[in-house]
Amino acid sequence: MSATTPGQVAQSEGLLTQALRGLYAVAESYPDLKANQSFLALQQSLAQTEGMIAGARQGYNAAVRDLNTRIESVPTNFFAGAFGFTRREFFEIEDPAERAVPQVRF
């Protein structure tokens, strides 16, 4: 929650993914929980949230790509240098295990 750079946010998101995998593993152990309406609503909410996060990540990376391109292109590079604009880093998850989609079976 206190992450300030895209790299720190990506690391935090990886920890959240690991926690969700644990939640799904618990659900596998308890068939009654899987059939519970509240748990089904939670699953749907998590799926929607993951979709929104993915969309926001794509939007952020597109904006960073456009900014970095303009900083390096003539004539905008003159203004970027004069006003102190610098390249930004993309939001990337570096650990391939965190990047993989979790396999969940209910």
C-alpha atoms as a PDB file:
ATOM      1  CA  MET A   1       0.000   0.000   0.000  1.00  0.00           C
ATOM      2  CA  SER A   2       2.948   2.350   0.535  1.00  0.00           C
ATOM      3  CA  ALA A   3       4.604   1.593  -2.814  1.00  0.00           C
ATOM      4  CA  THR A   4       5.728   4.700  -4.663  1.00  0.00           C
ATOM      5  CA  THR A   5       7.421   3.411  -7.810  1.00  0.00           C
ATOM      6  CA  PRO A   6       5.986   1.110 -10.471  1.00  0.00           C
ATOM      7  CA  GLY A   7       8.543  -1.534  -9.482  1.00  0.00           C
ATOM      8  CA  GLN A   8       7.380  -1.471  -5.863  1.00  0.00           C
ATOM      9  CA  VAL A   9       3.748  -1.600  -6.951  1.00  0.00           C
ATOM     10  CA  ALA A  10       4.506  -4.622  -9.148  1.00  0.00           C
ATOM     11  CA  GLN A  11       6.154  -6.351  -6.204  1.00  0.00           C
ATOM     12  CA  SER A  12       3.133  -5.608  -3.998  1.00  0.00           C
ATOM     13  CA  GLU A  13       0.821  -6.929  -6.690  1.00  0.00           C
ATOM     14  CA  GLY A  14       2.839 -10.147  -6.772  1.00  0.00           C
ATOM     15  CA  LEU A  15       2.351 -10.571  -3.033  1.00  0.00           C
ATOM     16  CA  LEU A  16      -1.380 -10.040  -3.462  1.00  0.00           C
ATOM     17  CA  THR A  17      -1.467 -12.709  -6.180  1.00  0.00           C
ATOM     18  CA  GLN A  18       0.269 -15.171  -3.875  1.00  0.00           C
ATOM     19  CA  ALA A  19      -2.259 -14.437  -1.131  1.00  0.00           C
ATOM     20  CA  LEU A  20      -5.139 -15.032  -3.540  1.00  0.00           C
ATOM     21  CA  ARG A  21      -3.629 -18.359  -4.568  1.00  0.00           C
ATOM     22  CA  GLY A  22      -3.661 -19.332  -0.899  1.00  0.00           C
ATOM     23  CA  LEU A  23      -7.322 -18.340  -0.629  1.00  0.00           C
ATOM     24  CA  TYR A  24      -8.201 -20.472  -3.634  1.00  0.00           C
ATOM     25  CA  ALA A  25      -6.280 -23.404  -2.153  1.00  0.00           C
ATOM     26  CA  VAL A  26      -8.333 -23.140   1.038  1.00  0.00           C
ATOM     27  CA  ALA A  27     -11.518 -23.100  -1.029  1.00  0.00           C
ATOM     28  CA  GLU A  28     -10.441 -26.331  -2.728  1.00  0.00           C
ATOM     29  CA  SER A  29     -10.238 -28.016   0.673  1.00  0.00           C
ATOM     30  CA  TYR A  30     -13.765 -27.012   1.697  1.00  0.00           C
ATOM     31  CA  PRO A  31     -16.481 -27.947  -0.853  1.00  0.00           C
ATOM     32  CA  ASP A  32     -19.183 -26.191   1.206  1.00  0.00           C
ATOM     33  CA  LEU A  33     -17.255 -22.938   0.923  1.00  0.00           C
ATOM     34  CA  LYS A  34     -17.131 -23.215  -2.857  1.00  0.00           C
ATOM     35  CA  ALA A  35     -20.920 -23.421  -3.007  1.00  0.00           C
ATOM     36  CA  ASN A  36     -21.474 -20.497  -0.640  1.00  0.00           C
ATOM     37  CA  GLN A  37     -23.059 -17.488  -2.364  1.00  0.00           C
ATOM     38  CA  SER A  38     -20.820 -15.058  -0.502  1.00  0.00           C
ATOM     39  CA  PHE A  39     -17.699 -16.860  -1.676  1.00  0.00           C
ATOM     40  CA  LEU A  40     -19.005 -16.946  -5.245  1.00  0.00           C
ATOM     41  CA  ALA A  41     -19.626 -13.191  -5.046  1.00  0.00           C
ATOM     42  CA  LEU A  42     -16.084 -12.734  -3.699  1.00  0.00           C
ATOM     43  CA  GLN A  43     -14.672 -14.718  -6.615  1.00  0.00           C
ATOM     44  CA  GLN A  44     -16.592 -12.609  -9.103  1.00  0.00           C
ATOM     45  CA  SER A  45     -15.455  -9.412  -7.408  1.00  0.00           C
ATOM     46  CA  LEU A  46     -11.822 -10.575  -7.466  1.00  0.00           C
ATOM     47  CA  ALA A  47     -12.072 -11.426 -11.164  1.00  0.00           C
ATOM     48  CA  GLN A  48     -13.491  -7.968 -11.923  1.00  0.00           C
ATOM     49  CA  THR A  49     -10.798  -6.306  -9.825  1.00  0.00           C
ATOM     50  CA  GLU A  50      -8.036  -8.236 -11.584  1.00  0.00           C
ATOM     51  CA  GLY A  51      -9.495  -7.131 -14.916  1.00  0.00           C
ATOM     52  CA  MET A  52      -9.553  -3.492 -13.834  1.00  0.00           C
ATOM     53  CA  ILE A  53      -5.964  -3.731 -12.568  1.00  0.00           C
ATOM     54  CA  ALA A  54      -4.834  -5.235 -15.881  1.00  0.00           C
ATOM     55  CA  GLY A  55      -6.595  -2.456 -17.799  1.00  0.00           C
ATOM     56  CA  ALA A  56      -5.067   0.228 -15.592  1.00  0.00           C
ATOM     57  CA  ARG A  57      -1.613  -1.349 -16.017  1.00  0.00           C
ATOM     58  CA  GLN A  58      -2.011  -1.324 -19.801  1.00  0.00           C
ATOM     59  CA  GLY A  59      -3.181   2.298 -19.745  1.00  0.00           C
ATOM     60  CA  TYR A  60      -0.259   3.337 -17.542  1.00  0.00           C
ATOM     61  CA  ASN A  61       2.288   1.557 -19.733  1.00  0.00           C
ATOM     62  CA  ALA A  62       0.784   3.143 -22.865  1.00  0.00           C
ATOM     63  CA  ALA A  63       1.040   6.601 -21.282  1.00  0.00           C
ATOM     64  CA  VAL A  64       4.662   5.936 -20.226  1.00  0.00           C
ATOM     65  CA  ARG A  65       5.510   4.725 -23.730  1.00  0.00           C
ATOM     66  CA  ASP A  66       4.012   7.887 -25.253  1.00  0.00           C
ATOM     67  CA  LEU A  67       5.793  10.128 -22.741  1.00  0.00           C
ATOM     68  CA  ASN A  68       9.158   8.443 -23.294  1.00  0.00           C
ATOM     69  CA  THR A  69       8.724   8.679 -27.060  1.00  0.00           C
ATOM     70  CA  ARG A  70       7.910  12.373 -26.907  1.00  0.00           C
ATOM     71  CA  ILE A  71      10.818  13.085 -24.580  1.00  0.00           C
ATOM     72  CA  GLU A  72      13.163  11.585 -27.182  1.00  0.00           C
ATOM     73  CA  SER A  73      11.509  13.100 -30.292  1.00  0.00           C
ATOM     74  CA  VAL A  74      12.252  16.411 -31.955  1.00  0.00           C
ATOM     75  CA  PRO A  75      10.952  19.128 -31.255  1.00  0.00           C
ATOM     76  CA  THR A  76       9.332  18.057 -28.005  1.00  0.00           C
ATOM     77  CA  ASN A  77      12.664  16.890 -26.590  1.00  0.00           C
ATOM     78  CA  PHE A  78      13.762  20.540 -26.344  1.00  0.00           C
ATOM     79  CA  PHE A  79      10.754  21.401 -24.190  1.00  0.00           C
ATOM     80  CA  ALA A  80      11.075  18.211 -22.160  1.00  0.00           C
ATOM     81  CA  GLY A  81      14.681  19.024 -21.299  1.00  0.00           C
ATOM     82  CA  ALA A  82      13.884  22.654 -20.509  1.00  0.00           C
ATOM     83  CA  PHE A  83      11.045  21.726 -18.146  1.00  0.00           C
ATOM     84  CA  GLY A  84      12.794  18.776 -16.506  1.00  0.00           C
ATOM     85  CA  PHE A  85      10.720  15.904 -17.865  1.00  0.00           C
ATOM     86  CA  THR A  86      12.503  12.567 -17.561  1.00  0.00           C
ATOM     87  CA  ARG A  87      11.887   9.033 -18.774  1.00  0.00           C
ATOM     88  CA  ARG A  88       9.578   6.918 -16.629  1.00  0.00           C
ATOM     89  CA  GLU A  89       9.784   3.194 -15.994  1.00  0.00           C
ATOM     90  CA  PHE A  90       7.150   0.747 -17.171  1.00  0.00           C
ATOM     91  CA  PHE A  91       5.014  -1.238 -14.753  1.00  0.00           C
ATOM     92  CA  GLU A  92       6.483  -4.712 -15.136  1.00  0.00           C
ATOM     93  CA  ILE A  93       6.475  -7.869 -13.081  1.00  0.00           C
ATOM     94  CA  GLU A  94       9.937  -9.362 -13.340  1.00  0.00           C
ATOM     95  CA  ASP A  95       9.369 -12.728 -11.650  1.00  0.00           C
ATOM     96  CA  PRO A  96       7.946 -15.180 -14.243  1.00  0.00           C
ATOM     97  CA  ALA A  97       6.128 -17.092 -11.498  1.00  0.00           C
ATOM     98  CA  GLU A  98       4.217 -13.952 -10.512  1.00  0.00           C
ATOM     99  CA  ARG A  99       3.454 -13.165 -14.162  1.00  0.00           C
ATOM    100  CA  ALA A 100       1.906 -16.610 -14.778  1.00  0.00           C
ATOM    101  CA  VAL A 101      -1.843 -16.925 -14.543  1.00  0.00           C
ATOM    102  CA  PRO A 102      -2.748 -19.053 -11.525  1.00  0.00           C
ATOM    103  CA  GLN A 103      -4.480 -22.344 -12.291  1.00  0.00           C
ATOM    104  CA  VAL A 104      -7.647 -22.477 -10.231  1.00  0.00           C
ATOM    105  CA  ARG A 105     -10.154 -25.337 -10.381  1.00  0.00           C
ATOM    106  CA  PHE A 106     -13.435 -25.276  -8.504  1.00  0.00           C
END
